[in-house]
């Protein structure tokens, strides 16, 4: 089930919540409904990665846990705030480096470092102009500048 609410305020934020699932097409359609057509494919990829991370890695696909997404258009910026009910994680400082990632075979026994970045995190940093987590790693703020 998907729940949608719109709160009239200075900032018109739309809120969508859904049980942890990887069936994200209807959620993505709702989140992209107000987005200009030329940005939709790129943003769909980025939002899909963020929602999969929240449902799968954050909530462990527990259908009793929900993913909450708030969305707003402010001037020439699109904003999404994605929250999960997981235990959180320590996000890397930056995944936007052009340095090649070592092959998986050479990384298997290495401890986590701040320089590691998965495919999904790399995509987020390529698609969005702003990618920030809260201190617990359970809430992700994404922004795309349209100007």
N, C-alpha and C. Protein backbone atom coordinates (compact mmCIF):
# COMPACT_ATOMS: atom_id res chain seq x y z
N UNK A 1 0.83 -1.17 0.00
CA UNK A 1 0.00 0.00 0.00
C UNK A 1 0.89 1.25 0.00
N UNK A 2 0.47 2.24 -0.75
CA UNK A 2 1.17 3.52 -0.82
C UNK A 2 0.25 4.57 -0.22
N UNK A 3 0.77 5.37 0.70
CA UNK A 3 0.01 6.47 1.28
C UNK A 3 0.61 7.77 0.78
N UNK A 4 -0.25 8.72 0.38
CA UNK A 4 0.20 10.01 -0.14
C UNK A 4 -0.51 11.10 0.64
N UNK A 5 0.23 12.14 1.01
CA UNK A 5 -0.40 13.30 1.64
C UNK A 5 0.31 14.56 1.17
N UNK A 6 -0.45 15.64 1.10
CA UNK A 6 0.11 16.94 0.74
C UNK A 6 -0.28 17.91 1.85
N UNK A 7 0.70 18.59 2.40
CA UNK A 7 0.44 19.54 3.47
C UNK A 7 0.60 20.95 2.95
N UNK A 8 -0.47 21.74 2.96
CA UNK A 8 -0.29 23.13 2.54
C UNK A 8 0.56 23.87 3.57
N UNK A 9 1.62 24.45 3.12
CA UNK A 9 2.53 25.20 3.98
C UNK A 9 3.33 26.14 3.10
N UNK A 10 4.27 26.84 3.68
CA UNK A 10 5.13 27.70 2.87
C UNK A 10 5.82 26.88 1.80
N UNK A 11 6.24 25.69 2.16
CA UNK A 11 6.85 24.77 1.21
C UNK A 11 5.86 23.65 0.99
N UNK A 12 5.46 23.46 -0.22
CA UNK A 12 4.50 22.40 -0.53
C UNK A 12 5.21 21.07 -0.66
N UNK A 13 5.26 20.34 0.43
CA UNK A 13 5.89 19.03 0.45
C UNK A 13 4.83 17.97 0.27
N UNK A 14 5.07 17.05 -0.61
CA UNK A 14 4.24 15.87 -0.80
C UNK A 14 4.93 14.74 -0.05
N UNK A 15 4.17 13.97 0.70
CA UNK A 15 4.73 12.86 1.46
C UNK A 15 4.15 11.55 0.95
N UNK A 16 5.03 10.60 0.69
CA UNK A 16 4.63 9.27 0.24
C UNK A 16 5.28 8.27 1.19
N UNK A 17 4.50 7.31 1.66
CA UNK A 17 5.08 6.24 2.47
C UNK A 17 4.59 4.91 1.92
N UNK A 18 5.46 3.91 2.03
CA UNK A 18 5.12 2.58 1.52
C UNK A 18 5.89 1.52 2.29
N UNK A 19 5.29 0.33 2.36
CA UNK A 19 5.95 -0.80 3.01
C UNK A 19 7.19 -1.17 2.20
N UNK A 20 8.20 -1.64 2.87
CA UNK A 20 9.46 -2.00 2.21
C UNK A 20 9.22 -3.04 1.12
N UNK A 21 9.52 -2.67 -0.10
CA UNK A 21 9.36 -3.52 -1.26
C UNK A 21 10.32 -3.06 -2.34
N UNK A 22 10.59 -3.93 -3.29
CA UNK A 22 11.38 -3.53 -4.45
C UNK A 22 10.48 -3.25 -5.66
N UNK A 23 9.17 -3.39 -5.48
CA UNK A 23 8.23 -3.01 -6.55
C UNK A 23 8.00 -1.51 -6.44
N UNK A 24 8.81 -0.75 -7.16
CA UNK A 24 8.87 0.69 -6.98
C UNK A 24 8.26 1.50 -8.11
N UNK A 25 7.79 0.86 -9.17
CA UNK A 25 7.26 1.61 -10.33
C UNK A 25 6.19 2.62 -9.94
N UNK A 26 5.15 2.23 -9.16
CA UNK A 26 4.12 3.24 -8.83
C UNK A 26 4.67 4.37 -7.96
N UNK A 27 5.60 4.07 -7.09
CA UNK A 27 6.20 5.10 -6.23
C UNK A 27 7.01 6.07 -7.09
N UNK A 28 7.83 5.52 -7.98
CA UNK A 28 8.64 6.38 -8.86
C UNK A 28 7.74 7.24 -9.76
N UNK A 29 6.67 6.66 -10.27
CA UNK A 29 5.74 7.45 -11.10
C UNK A 29 5.17 8.63 -10.33
N UNK A 30 4.80 8.41 -9.07
CA UNK A 30 4.28 9.51 -8.23
C UNK A 30 5.36 10.56 -7.97
N UNK A 31 6.57 10.12 -7.67
CA UNK A 31 7.65 11.05 -7.35
C UNK A 31 8.12 11.86 -8.55
N UNK A 32 7.89 11.36 -9.74
CA UNK A 32 8.36 12.04 -10.95
C UNK A 32 7.25 12.75 -11.71
N UNK A 33 6.03 12.70 -11.20
CA UNK A 33 4.88 13.26 -11.92
C UNK A 33 5.04 14.75 -12.23
N UNK A 34 5.66 15.50 -11.35
CA UNK A 34 5.81 16.95 -11.54
C UNK A 34 7.17 17.34 -12.10
N UNK A 35 8.00 16.37 -12.41
CA UNK A 35 9.35 16.63 -12.90
C UNK A 35 9.33 16.86 -14.41
N UNK A 36 10.03 17.88 -14.90
CA UNK A 36 10.09 18.10 -16.34
C UNK A 36 10.59 16.84 -17.07
N UNK A 37 9.99 16.58 -18.20
CA UNK A 37 10.23 15.35 -18.97
C UNK A 37 11.71 15.08 -19.25
N UNK A 38 12.47 16.12 -19.58
CA UNK A 38 13.87 15.92 -19.95
C UNK A 38 14.73 15.41 -18.79
N UNK A 39 14.25 15.52 -17.55
CA UNK A 39 15.00 15.06 -16.38
C UNK A 39 14.51 13.72 -15.85
N UNK A 40 13.39 13.22 -16.35
CA UNK A 40 12.75 12.07 -15.73
C UNK A 40 13.58 10.78 -15.78
N UNK A 41 14.19 10.45 -16.89
CA UNK A 41 14.94 9.18 -16.99
C UNK A 41 16.12 9.17 -16.02
N UNK A 42 16.88 10.25 -16.00
CA UNK A 42 18.04 10.33 -15.12
C UNK A 42 17.62 10.28 -13.65
N UNK A 43 16.60 11.05 -13.31
CA UNK A 43 16.15 11.09 -11.92
C UNK A 43 15.48 9.78 -11.50
N UNK A 44 14.83 9.10 -12.43
CA UNK A 44 14.24 7.80 -12.11
C UNK A 44 15.34 6.82 -11.68
N UNK A 45 16.44 6.82 -12.40
CA UNK A 45 17.56 5.94 -12.05
C UNK A 45 18.08 6.27 -10.65
N UNK A 46 18.32 7.54 -10.38
CA UNK A 46 18.84 7.94 -9.07
C UNK A 46 17.88 7.66 -7.94
N UNK A 47 16.60 7.98 -8.13
CA UNK A 47 15.61 7.73 -7.09
C UNK A 47 15.41 6.23 -6.86
N UNK A 48 15.46 5.45 -7.93
CA UNK A 48 15.32 4.01 -7.76
C UNK A 48 16.46 3.47 -6.89
N UNK A 49 17.67 3.91 -7.13
CA UNK A 49 18.80 3.48 -6.31
C UNK A 49 18.59 3.87 -4.85
N UNK A 50 18.14 5.10 -4.61
CA UNK A 50 17.94 5.57 -3.24
C UNK A 50 16.83 4.77 -2.54
N UNK A 51 15.74 4.49 -3.26
CA UNK A 51 14.62 3.75 -2.66
C UNK A 51 14.98 2.29 -2.42
N UNK A 52 15.72 1.69 -3.34
CA UNK A 52 16.18 0.31 -3.13
C UNK A 52 17.07 0.25 -1.90
N UNK A 53 17.99 1.22 -1.77
CA UNK A 53 18.87 1.24 -0.59
C UNK A 53 18.05 1.33 0.69
N UNK A 54 17.03 2.19 0.72
CA UNK A 54 16.21 2.36 1.92
C UNK A 54 15.43 1.09 2.25
N UNK A 55 14.78 0.50 1.24
CA UNK A 55 13.96 -0.69 1.48
C UNK A 55 14.80 -1.94 1.75
N UNK A 56 15.82 -2.15 0.94
CA UNK A 56 16.60 -3.38 1.02
C UNK A 56 17.67 -3.32 2.11
N UNK A 57 18.50 -2.31 2.07
CA UNK A 57 19.62 -2.23 3.02
C UNK A 57 19.19 -1.61 4.35
N UNK A 58 18.34 -0.60 4.29
CA UNK A 58 17.88 0.04 5.53
C UNK A 58 16.87 -0.82 6.28
N UNK A 59 15.77 -1.14 5.62
CA UNK A 59 14.68 -1.87 6.27
C UNK A 59 14.76 -3.39 6.11
N UNK A 60 15.79 -3.88 5.45
CA UNK A 60 15.98 -5.33 5.25
C UNK A 60 14.75 -5.98 4.60
N UNK A 61 14.04 -5.24 3.76
CA UNK A 61 12.82 -5.70 3.07
C UNK A 61 11.75 -6.20 4.04
N UNK A 62 11.78 -5.69 5.25
CA UNK A 62 10.77 -6.05 6.25
C UNK A 62 9.47 -5.32 5.90
N UNK A 63 8.40 -6.05 5.52
CA UNK A 63 7.15 -5.39 5.12
C UNK A 63 6.47 -4.65 6.27
N UNK A 64 6.92 -4.88 7.48
CA UNK A 64 6.38 -4.16 8.63
C UNK A 64 7.03 -2.79 8.82
N UNK A 65 8.09 -2.52 8.07
CA UNK A 65 8.77 -1.23 8.13
C UNK A 65 8.43 -0.44 6.88
N UNK A 66 8.40 0.87 7.02
CA UNK A 66 8.04 1.72 5.88
C UNK A 66 9.21 2.60 5.45
N UNK A 67 9.13 3.00 4.21
CA UNK A 67 10.01 4.02 3.64
C UNK A 67 9.16 5.27 3.48
N UNK A 68 9.66 6.38 3.93
CA UNK A 68 8.95 7.65 3.85
C UNK A 68 9.72 8.57 2.91
N UNK A 69 9.01 9.17 1.95
CA UNK A 69 9.64 10.08 1.00
C UNK A 69 8.88 11.39 1.01
N UNK A 70 9.61 12.48 1.21
CA UNK A 70 9.02 13.82 1.08
C UNK A 70 9.61 14.46 -0.17
N UNK A 71 8.77 15.13 -0.94
CA UNK A 71 9.19 15.72 -2.21
C UNK A 71 8.67 17.13 -2.33
N UNK A 72 9.51 18.02 -2.87
CA UNK A 72 9.08 19.40 -3.09
C UNK A 72 9.85 20.00 -4.26
N UNK A 73 9.19 20.93 -4.92
CA UNK A 73 9.84 21.75 -5.94
C UNK A 73 9.95 23.16 -5.36
N UNK A 74 11.18 23.64 -5.21
CA UNK A 74 11.43 24.96 -4.66
C UNK A 74 12.24 25.75 -5.68
N UNK A 75 11.63 26.75 -6.25
CA UNK A 75 12.26 27.54 -7.31
C UNK A 75 12.72 26.60 -8.43
N UNK A 76 13.99 26.55 -8.71
CA UNK A 76 14.52 25.67 -9.76
C UNK A 76 15.22 24.45 -9.19
N UNK A 77 14.74 23.98 -8.05
CA UNK A 77 15.34 22.81 -7.41
C UNK A 77 14.27 21.77 -7.09
N UNK A 78 14.64 20.52 -7.28
CA UNK A 78 13.78 19.40 -6.90
C UNK A 78 14.41 18.77 -5.66
N UNK A 79 13.62 18.54 -4.62
CA UNK A 79 14.11 18.00 -3.36
C UNK A 79 13.38 16.72 -2.99
N UNK A 80 14.12 15.73 -2.52
CA UNK A 80 13.56 14.50 -1.98
C UNK A 80 14.25 14.23 -0.66
N UNK A 81 13.49 13.83 0.34
CA UNK A 81 14.04 13.38 1.61
C UNK A 81 13.49 11.98 1.83
N UNK A 82 14.39 11.00 1.87
CA UNK A 82 14.02 9.59 1.95
C UNK A 82 14.47 9.04 3.30
N UNK A 83 13.52 8.51 4.07
CA UNK A 83 13.82 7.98 5.40
C UNK A 83 13.45 6.50 5.47
N UNK A 84 14.29 5.73 6.18
CA UNK A 84 13.95 4.33 6.43
C UNK A 84 13.97 4.09 7.94
N UNK A 85 13.55 2.91 8.35
CA UNK A 85 13.47 2.56 9.76
C UNK A 85 14.57 1.57 10.16
N UNK A 86 15.64 1.57 9.40
CA UNK A 86 16.75 0.66 9.69
C UNK A 86 17.66 1.19 10.77
N UNK A 87 18.77 0.48 10.99
CA UNK A 87 19.72 0.87 12.03
C UNK A 87 20.69 1.95 11.55
N UNK A 88 20.67 2.24 10.25
CA UNK A 88 21.53 3.28 9.70
C UNK A 88 22.88 2.74 9.28
N UNK A 89 23.67 3.61 8.70
CA UNK A 89 25.02 3.27 8.27
C UNK A 89 25.84 4.54 8.22
N UNK A 90 27.15 4.36 8.17
CA UNK A 90 28.04 5.51 8.07
C UNK A 90 28.36 5.71 6.60
N UNK A 91 27.75 6.73 5.99
CA UNK A 91 28.01 6.96 4.57
C UNK A 91 29.42 7.46 4.34
N UNK A 92 29.99 7.14 3.17
CA UNK A 92 31.32 7.66 2.84
C UNK A 92 31.25 9.16 2.65
N UNK A 93 32.41 9.81 2.77
CA UNK A 93 32.45 11.26 2.61
C UNK A 93 32.12 11.69 1.20
N UNK A 94 32.58 10.93 0.21
CA UNK A 94 32.33 11.31 -1.18
C UNK A 94 32.46 10.10 -2.08
N UNK A 95 31.51 9.97 -2.98
CA UNK A 95 31.55 8.88 -3.97
C UNK A 95 31.73 9.45 -5.36
N UNK A 96 32.14 10.69 -5.44
CA UNK A 96 32.20 11.31 -6.75
C UNK A 96 33.59 11.32 -7.34
N UNK A 97 34.49 10.60 -6.74
CA UNK A 97 35.87 10.55 -7.23
C UNK A 97 35.94 9.82 -8.57
N UNK A 98 36.84 10.26 -9.41
CA UNK A 98 37.07 9.59 -10.69
C UNK A 98 38.11 8.48 -10.56
N UNK A 99 38.63 8.26 -9.34
CA UNK A 99 39.62 7.21 -9.14
C UNK A 99 38.96 5.85 -9.32
N UNK A 100 39.60 4.95 -10.02
CA UNK A 100 39.00 3.63 -10.22
C UNK A 100 38.95 2.86 -8.91
N UNK A 101 37.88 2.09 -8.74
CA UNK A 101 37.74 1.24 -7.57
C UNK A 101 38.53 -0.03 -7.80
N UNK A 102 39.26 -0.51 -6.79
CA UNK A 102 40.03 -1.74 -6.97
C UNK A 102 39.09 -2.89 -7.33
N UNK A 103 39.58 -3.89 -8.06
CA UNK A 103 38.74 -5.04 -8.40
C UNK A 103 38.21 -5.71 -7.15
N UNK A 104 37.01 -6.30 -7.26
CA UNK A 104 36.36 -6.93 -6.11
C UNK A 104 37.25 -7.97 -5.46
N UNK A 105 38.02 -8.71 -6.26
CA UNK A 105 38.87 -9.77 -5.70
C UNK A 105 39.94 -9.21 -4.76
N UNK A 106 40.37 -7.98 -4.99
CA UNK A 106 41.40 -7.41 -4.11
C UNK A 106 40.79 -6.69 -2.91
N UNK A 107 39.45 -6.52 -2.90
CA UNK A 107 38.80 -5.82 -1.80
C UNK A 107 38.15 -6.76 -0.79
N UNK A 108 38.04 -8.02 -1.08
CA UNK A 108 37.23 -8.92 -0.27
C UNK A 108 37.63 -8.97 1.19
N UNK A 109 38.87 -8.85 1.53
CA UNK A 109 39.29 -8.94 2.92
C UNK A 109 39.66 -7.58 3.52
N UNK A 110 39.35 -6.51 2.82
CA UNK A 110 39.68 -5.19 3.32
C UNK A 110 38.57 -4.67 4.23
N UNK A 111 38.92 -4.00 5.32
CA UNK A 111 37.88 -3.39 6.15
C UNK A 111 37.26 -2.20 5.41
N UNK A 112 36.05 -1.81 5.84
CA UNK A 112 35.39 -0.66 5.23
C UNK A 112 36.23 0.59 5.44
N UNK A 113 36.38 1.36 4.39
CA UNK A 113 37.06 2.65 4.51
C UNK A 113 36.16 3.72 3.95
N UNK A 114 36.47 4.96 4.26
CA UNK A 114 35.67 6.07 3.77
C UNK A 114 35.80 6.25 2.27
N UNK A 115 36.74 5.56 1.62
CA UNK A 115 36.93 5.71 0.19
C UNK A 115 36.12 4.72 -0.62
N UNK A 116 35.52 3.73 0.04
CA UNK A 116 34.72 2.75 -0.68
C UNK A 116 33.41 3.38 -1.11
N UNK A 117 32.92 2.93 -2.23
CA UNK A 117 31.65 3.44 -2.72
C UNK A 117 31.02 2.39 -3.60
N UNK A 118 29.81 2.02 -3.28
CA UNK A 118 29.09 1.07 -4.10
C UNK A 118 28.52 1.73 -5.33
N UNK A 119 28.04 0.91 -6.25
CA UNK A 119 27.46 1.39 -7.50
C UNK A 119 26.32 2.36 -7.25
N UNK A 120 25.43 2.01 -6.31
CA UNK A 120 24.28 2.86 -6.02
C UNK A 120 24.67 4.22 -5.49
N UNK A 121 25.64 4.27 -4.59
CA UNK A 121 26.08 5.55 -4.04
C UNK A 121 26.77 6.39 -5.11
N UNK A 122 27.52 5.73 -5.97
CA UNK A 122 28.16 6.45 -7.09
C UNK A 122 27.09 7.08 -7.99
N UNK A 123 26.05 6.32 -8.31
CA UNK A 123 24.97 6.84 -9.16
C UNK A 123 24.31 8.05 -8.50
N UNK A 124 24.05 7.97 -7.20
CA UNK A 124 23.43 9.11 -6.50
C UNK A 124 24.25 10.37 -6.68
N UNK A 125 25.56 10.25 -6.53
CA UNK A 125 26.42 11.43 -6.64
C UNK A 125 26.55 11.92 -8.08
N UNK A 126 26.31 11.07 -9.04
CA UNK A 126 26.35 11.49 -10.44
C UNK A 126 25.04 12.15 -10.86
N UNK A 127 23.92 11.69 -10.34
CA UNK A 127 22.61 12.18 -10.75
C UNK A 127 22.22 13.46 -10.02
N UNK A 128 22.48 13.53 -8.73
CA UNK A 128 22.00 14.64 -7.92
C UNK A 128 23.11 15.63 -7.62
N UNK A 129 22.71 16.90 -7.42
CA UNK A 129 23.67 17.96 -7.12
C UNK A 129 23.99 18.03 -5.64
N UNK A 130 23.11 17.47 -4.83
CA UNK A 130 23.34 17.45 -3.39
C UNK A 130 22.89 16.09 -2.87
N UNK A 131 23.77 15.43 -2.12
CA UNK A 131 23.50 14.11 -1.53
C UNK A 131 24.01 14.15 -0.10
N UNK A 132 23.08 14.11 0.86
CA UNK A 132 23.47 14.21 2.26
C UNK A 132 22.65 13.26 3.11
N UNK A 133 23.30 12.64 4.11
CA UNK A 133 22.61 11.78 5.06
C UNK A 133 22.55 12.47 6.41
N UNK A 134 21.55 12.08 7.21
CA UNK A 134 21.54 12.54 8.59
C UNK A 134 22.63 11.82 9.35
N UNK A 135 22.86 12.21 10.60
CA UNK A 135 23.99 11.64 11.37
C UNK A 135 23.84 10.14 11.61
N UNK A 136 22.60 9.61 11.60
CA UNK A 136 22.39 8.18 11.83
C UNK A 136 22.48 7.35 10.56
N UNK A 137 22.41 8.00 9.41
CA UNK A 137 22.44 7.28 8.15
C UNK A 137 21.11 6.63 7.82
N UNK A 138 20.01 7.19 8.35
CA UNK A 138 18.67 6.66 8.07
C UNK A 138 17.82 7.62 7.25
N UNK A 139 18.37 8.77 6.94
CA UNK A 139 17.62 9.75 6.15
C UNK A 139 18.55 10.37 5.12
N UNK A 140 18.12 10.34 3.88
CA UNK A 140 18.91 10.83 2.75
C UNK A 140 18.21 12.03 2.13
N UNK A 141 18.93 13.11 1.95
CA UNK A 141 18.40 14.30 1.28
C UNK A 141 19.06 14.41 -0.08
N UNK A 142 18.23 14.53 -1.11
CA UNK A 142 18.70 14.64 -2.49
C UNK A 142 18.16 15.92 -3.09
N UNK A 143 18.99 16.59 -3.89
CA UNK A 143 18.55 17.80 -4.57
C UNK A 143 19.08 17.79 -6.00
N UNK A 144 18.23 18.22 -6.92
CA UNK A 144 18.63 18.38 -8.32
C UNK A 144 18.33 19.82 -8.73
N UNK A 145 19.38 20.54 -9.16
CA UNK A 145 19.21 21.89 -9.68
C UNK A 145 18.80 21.81 -11.13
N UNK A 146 17.73 22.51 -11.50
CA UNK A 146 17.25 22.49 -12.88
C UNK A 146 17.75 23.67 -13.69
N UNK A 147 18.36 24.64 -13.04
CA UNK A 147 18.84 25.83 -13.75
C UNK A 147 20.11 25.57 -14.50
